[in-house]
């Protein structure tokens, strides 16, 4: 096994452990057991649990960033690209509801760890930047009305986080459906209204 392969195996084991039991309840020994590697190998890659947690969050968030960046570069409808991103998010959350727990922990730890806060701030700035670009493209091509694209992007991200995290209070929450509803409401508000058509002249009898 190469150095990179062992590192990725540790990160995947850490992701599963942190998502299932949370940061505070997960030990390095738990991750060693899940990975099937030695404790020495784990500490060779990561000096402590905090460093491993930050690397795990960074891994997950960078995957999302790549997907969103690709959508910002793609052609086609801005409306459909935004829907695609949140549909993909809904599918991930539906398949692995523990993922939400990891994200909540990441938000919480960002208040406790300066480095975690920097990671979350950096990645959310990039997320919002990608969505802002898509919204601006929608304005430019006539799909969306003239709005502040940055605030529209912030509203979409905040709405997505909010409806997703509601699963913490209602375990059977249909995250995919909730995200689709939220996105539909916001995109309807962004959509450019069609100009009213002039009334047809009345026919003389």
Protein backbone atom coordinates (compact mmCIF):
# COMPACT_ATOMS: atom_id res chain seq x y z
CA UNK A 1 0.00 0.00 0.00
CA UNK A 2 1.37 3.41 -0.98
CA UNK A 3 1.59 6.40 1.35
CA UNK A 4 -1.34 8.08 -0.38
CA UNK A 5 -3.46 4.91 -0.31
CA UNK A 6 -2.93 4.48 3.44
CA UNK A 7 -3.74 8.16 4.01
CA UNK A 8 -6.99 7.85 2.04
CA UNK A 9 -7.92 4.70 3.94
CA UNK A 10 -7.46 6.55 7.23
CA UNK A 11 -9.53 9.51 5.99
CA UNK A 12 -12.38 7.23 4.91
CA UNK A 13 -12.32 5.47 8.29
CA UNK A 14 -12.25 8.83 10.07
CA UNK A 15 -15.17 10.08 8.00
CA UNK A 16 -17.27 7.06 8.98
CA UNK A 17 -16.32 7.37 12.67
CA UNK A 18 -16.83 11.13 12.99
CA UNK A 19 -20.14 10.97 11.10
CA UNK A 20 -21.45 8.16 13.29
CA UNK A 21 -20.33 9.20 16.78
CA UNK A 22 -19.23 12.82 16.45
CA UNK A 23 -15.90 14.49 17.07
CA UNK A 24 -15.89 14.41 20.87
CA UNK A 25 -16.98 10.75 21.13
CA UNK A 26 -14.55 9.43 18.52
CA UNK A 27 -11.08 8.29 19.60
CA UNK A 28 -8.00 7.66 17.53
CA UNK A 29 -8.27 4.00 18.57
CA UNK A 30 -11.77 3.87 17.00
CA UNK A 31 -10.32 5.09 13.73
CA UNK A 32 -7.41 2.63 13.92
CA UNK A 33 -9.89 -0.25 14.27
CA UNK A 34 -12.02 0.96 11.37
CA UNK A 35 -9.05 1.48 9.08
CA UNK A 36 -7.41 -1.87 9.78
CA UNK A 37 -4.05 -0.13 9.89
CA UNK A 38 -1.63 0.22 12.78
CA UNK A 39 -1.71 3.06 15.27
CA UNK A 40 1.81 3.95 14.17
CA UNK A 41 0.66 4.40 10.60
CA UNK A 42 -2.19 6.65 11.70
CA UNK A 43 0.09 8.88 13.76
CA UNK A 44 2.64 8.93 10.98
CA UNK A 45 0.05 10.69 8.81
CA UNK A 46 -1.77 12.74 11.48
CA UNK A 47 -0.28 13.97 14.74
CA UNK A 48 -3.61 14.14 16.63
CA UNK A 49 -7.39 13.85 16.33
CA UNK A 50 -7.89 17.53 15.58
CA UNK A 51 -5.54 17.41 12.60
CA UNK A 52 -7.29 14.27 11.32
CA UNK A 53 -10.74 15.84 11.76
CA UNK A 54 -9.71 18.94 9.82
CA UNK A 55 -8.26 16.80 7.04
CA UNK A 56 -11.50 14.77 6.89
CA UNK A 57 -13.68 17.88 6.67
CA UNK A 58 -11.37 19.32 4.03
CA UNK A 59 -11.58 16.11 1.97
CA UNK A 60 -15.38 16.13 1.99
CA UNK A 61 -15.75 19.85 1.31
CA UNK A 62 -13.24 19.80 -1.53
CA UNK A 63 -15.26 17.10 -3.28
CA UNK A 64 -18.32 19.35 -3.12
CA UNK A 65 -16.27 22.31 -4.32
CA UNK A 66 -15.10 20.39 -7.39
CA UNK A 67 -18.66 19.46 -8.35
CA UNK A 68 -19.92 23.01 -7.94
CA UNK A 69 -16.99 24.50 -9.84
CA UNK A 70 -17.73 22.18 -12.77
CA UNK A 71 -21.37 23.29 -12.80
CA UNK A 72 -20.31 26.95 -12.78
CA UNK A 73 -18.18 26.28 -15.88
CA UNK A 74 -20.84 24.25 -17.70
CA UNK A 75 -23.16 25.75 -20.25
CA UNK A 76 -26.92 25.57 -20.30
CA UNK A 77 -29.66 26.75 -18.02
CA UNK A 78 -28.56 28.40 -14.75
CA UNK A 79 -31.81 27.22 -13.15
CA UNK A 80 -31.08 23.58 -14.06
CA UNK A 81 -27.46 23.73 -12.89
CA UNK A 82 -28.49 25.01 -9.47
CA UNK A 83 -31.16 22.32 -9.22
CA UNK A 84 -28.60 19.68 -10.23
CA UNK A 85 -26.18 20.64 -7.47
CA UNK A 86 -28.79 20.53 -4.72
CA UNK A 87 -30.29 17.32 -6.12
CA UNK A 88 -26.83 15.76 -5.87
CA UNK A 89 -26.54 17.00 -2.29
CA UNK A 90 -29.95 15.56 -1.45
CA UNK A 91 -28.93 12.18 -2.85
CA UNK A 92 -25.78 12.13 -0.71
CA UNK A 93 -27.69 13.08 2.44
CA UNK A 94 -30.38 10.49 1.74
CA UNK A 95 -27.86 7.70 1.21
CA UNK A 96 -25.76 8.64 4.24
CA UNK A 97 -27.73 10.54 6.85
CA UNK A 98 -24.73 10.46 9.18
CA UNK A 99 -23.09 12.91 6.80
CA UNK A 100 -25.25 15.64 8.33
CA UNK A 101 -23.78 14.87 11.74
CA UNK A 102 -20.27 15.40 10.40
CA UNK A 103 -21.25 18.76 8.94
CA UNK A 104 -22.88 19.89 12.19
CA UNK A 105 -19.72 18.91 14.04
CA UNK A 106 -17.65 20.85 11.51
CA UNK A 107 -19.75 23.98 12.11
CA UNK A 108 -19.49 23.55 15.88
CA UNK A 109 -15.75 22.90 15.83
CA UNK A 110 -15.24 25.98 13.67
CA UNK A 111 -16.15 28.01 16.76
CA UNK A 112 -13.77 25.99 18.92
CA UNK A 113 -10.77 25.65 16.60
CA UNK A 114 -9.36 28.60 14.72
CA UNK A 115 -8.04 26.37 11.96
CA UNK A 116 -11.44 24.68 11.53
CA UNK A 117 -13.04 28.11 11.25
CA UNK A 118 -10.56 29.09 8.56
CA UNK A 119 -11.28 25.92 6.58
CA UNK A 120 -15.05 26.39 6.75
CA UNK A 121 -14.79 30.08 5.88
CA UNK A 122 -12.54 29.38 2.90
CA UNK A 123 -14.66 26.59 1.48
CA UNK A 124 -17.99 28.42 1.98
CA UNK A 125 -16.54 31.49 0.31
CA UNK A 126 -15.70 29.30 -2.69
CA UNK A 127 -19.14 27.61 -2.66
CA UNK A 128 -20.94 30.94 -2.61
CA UNK A 129 -18.64 32.28 -5.31
CA UNK A 130 -19.52 29.39 -7.64
CA UNK A 131 -23.26 29.81 -7.06
CA UNK A 132 -22.96 33.57 -7.45
CA UNK A 133 -21.39 33.02 -10.87
CA UNK A 134 -24.25 30.76 -11.94
CA UNK A 135 -26.84 33.29 -10.73
CA UNK A 136 -25.05 36.08 -12.60
CA UNK A 137 -25.04 33.93 -15.73
CA UNK A 138 -28.79 33.46 -15.27
CA UNK A 139 -29.25 37.24 -15.02
CA UNK A 140 -27.09 37.80 -18.10
CA UNK A 141 -28.98 35.28 -20.25
CA UNK A 142 -32.39 36.57 -19.19
CA UNK A 143 -33.45 33.64 -16.99
CA UNK A 144 -33.30 35.59 -13.73
CA UNK A 145 -34.35 39.10 -12.87
CA UNK A 146 -31.87 41.72 -11.72
CA UNK A 147 -30.96 40.81 -8.13
CA UNK A 148 -27.85 40.91 -5.96
CA UNK A 149 -26.21 37.64 -7.11
CA UNK A 150 -24.11 37.38 -3.95
CA UNK A 151 -27.13 37.59 -1.63
CA UNK A 152 -29.02 35.13 -3.83
CA UNK A 153 -26.11 32.68 -3.51
CA UNK A 154 -25.94 33.15 0.27
CA UNK A 155 -29.69 32.53 0.52
CA UNK A 156 -29.40 29.31 -1.48
CA UNK A 157 -26.53 27.98 0.66
CA UNK A 158 -28.18 28.99 3.93
CA UNK A 159 -31.48 27.46 2.86
CA UNK A 160 -29.76 24.23 1.85
CA UNK A 161 -27.93 23.96 5.16
CA UNK A 162 -31.07 24.73 7.13
CA UNK A 163 -33.40 22.18 5.57
CA UNK A 164 -30.67 19.52 5.55
CA UNK A 165 -29.88 19.90 9.24
CA UNK A 166 -33.55 19.54 10.18
CA UNK A 167 -32.91 15.78 9.96
CA UNK A 168 -31.30 16.08 13.40
CA UNK A 169 -34.77 16.71 14.83
CA UNK A 170 -36.76 14.42 12.54
CA UNK A 171 -34.77 11.27 11.61
CA UNK A 172 -37.24 10.28 8.87
CA UNK A 173 -36.95 13.69 7.23
CA UNK A 174 -36.95 13.44 3.42
CA UNK A 175 -33.92 15.63 2.76
CA UNK A 176 -34.12 15.32 -1.01
CA UNK A 177 -37.74 16.46 -1.14
CA UNK A 178 -37.08 19.29 1.33
CA UNK A 179 -34.14 20.57 -0.72
CA UNK A 180 -36.16 20.41 -3.95
CA UNK A 181 -38.97 22.42 -2.33
CA UNK A 182 -36.62 25.04 -0.93
CA UNK A 183 -34.73 25.42 -4.21
CA UNK A 184 -37.97 25.66 -6.19
CA UNK A 185 -39.24 28.47 -3.96
CA UNK A 186 -36.03 30.49 -4.26
CA UNK A 187 -35.66 29.94 -8.00
CA UNK A 188 -39.25 30.97 -8.59
CA UNK A 189 -38.40 34.22 -6.83
CA UNK A 190 -35.34 34.68 -9.03
CA UNK A 191 -37.10 33.90 -12.28
CA UNK A 192 -37.58 36.86 -14.59
CA UNK A 193 -41.24 37.68 -15.08
CA UNK A 194 -42.41 37.60 -18.64
CA UNK A 195 -43.64 40.89 -19.99
CA UNK A 196 -47.43 40.94 -20.27
CA UNK A 197 -48.65 40.34 -23.81
CA UNK A 198 -50.76 43.12 -25.35
CA UNK A 199 -54.43 42.26 -25.51
CA UNK A 200 -55.68 41.18 -28.91
CA UNK A 201 -57.88 43.80 -30.60
CA UNK A 202 -61.58 43.10 -30.33
CA UNK A 203 -63.23 41.87 -33.47
CA UNK A 204 -65.99 44.06 -34.82
CA UNK A 205 -69.30 42.34 -35.40
